[in-house]
């Protein structure tokens, strides 16, 4: 190390880049840790302003932001991020649709709502791609939530699931009786986005 001399600008720039790479790798090494263990009864809350708004260990691509009334605090609203969940090492997306939420008054306090939808049939988990979630207000004032999970299970790509809360649970509503495929006429494009007038 004593004899290391950086004589050209190119060599100095190369060393600077290597140093920055090592430092940035050390700072984000927690990204590869699995979701921290905590009791299902308590929800993990990530405190942090700015970007990234979620903890570095969470990989939530294809996030769909939505604002819905908080079912536990009527009259208050929460921002919800619904997304596929990158867990697999060799490819993207995983077996669950994941949700995080924050009060609209404090977008620096994101709560992990956990996996809101998974689907398993014949011992195999479907892989979930980019989802979408909508709220439908019925004439009687009640609300229903429709999740479009974009399941990659064979013959289940156009799955639709229904729930009474934005954070689930959700039950598929357009599957055949055996649960192996969607009913005829179920057609959705890749990575659905739903619009309601």
Foldseek 3Di string as FASTA:
>chain_A
DVPDDDDDPVSVVVVVVVVVVVVVCVVLVLLCPADDDDDPVDWDKAAADDPPLDDSVWDFPLWDWDKDAAPVDGPWIKIKTWGFGQDDDPDGGAFFIWMWIDTPVDSRIIITLGGQDWDDDPRDTWTWHRKEKDWDQDPVGFIKMKIQRCTPQVQARLWIWIARGPSDNTDTDQAPPNRRHGHPPRDADHNHDDDDD
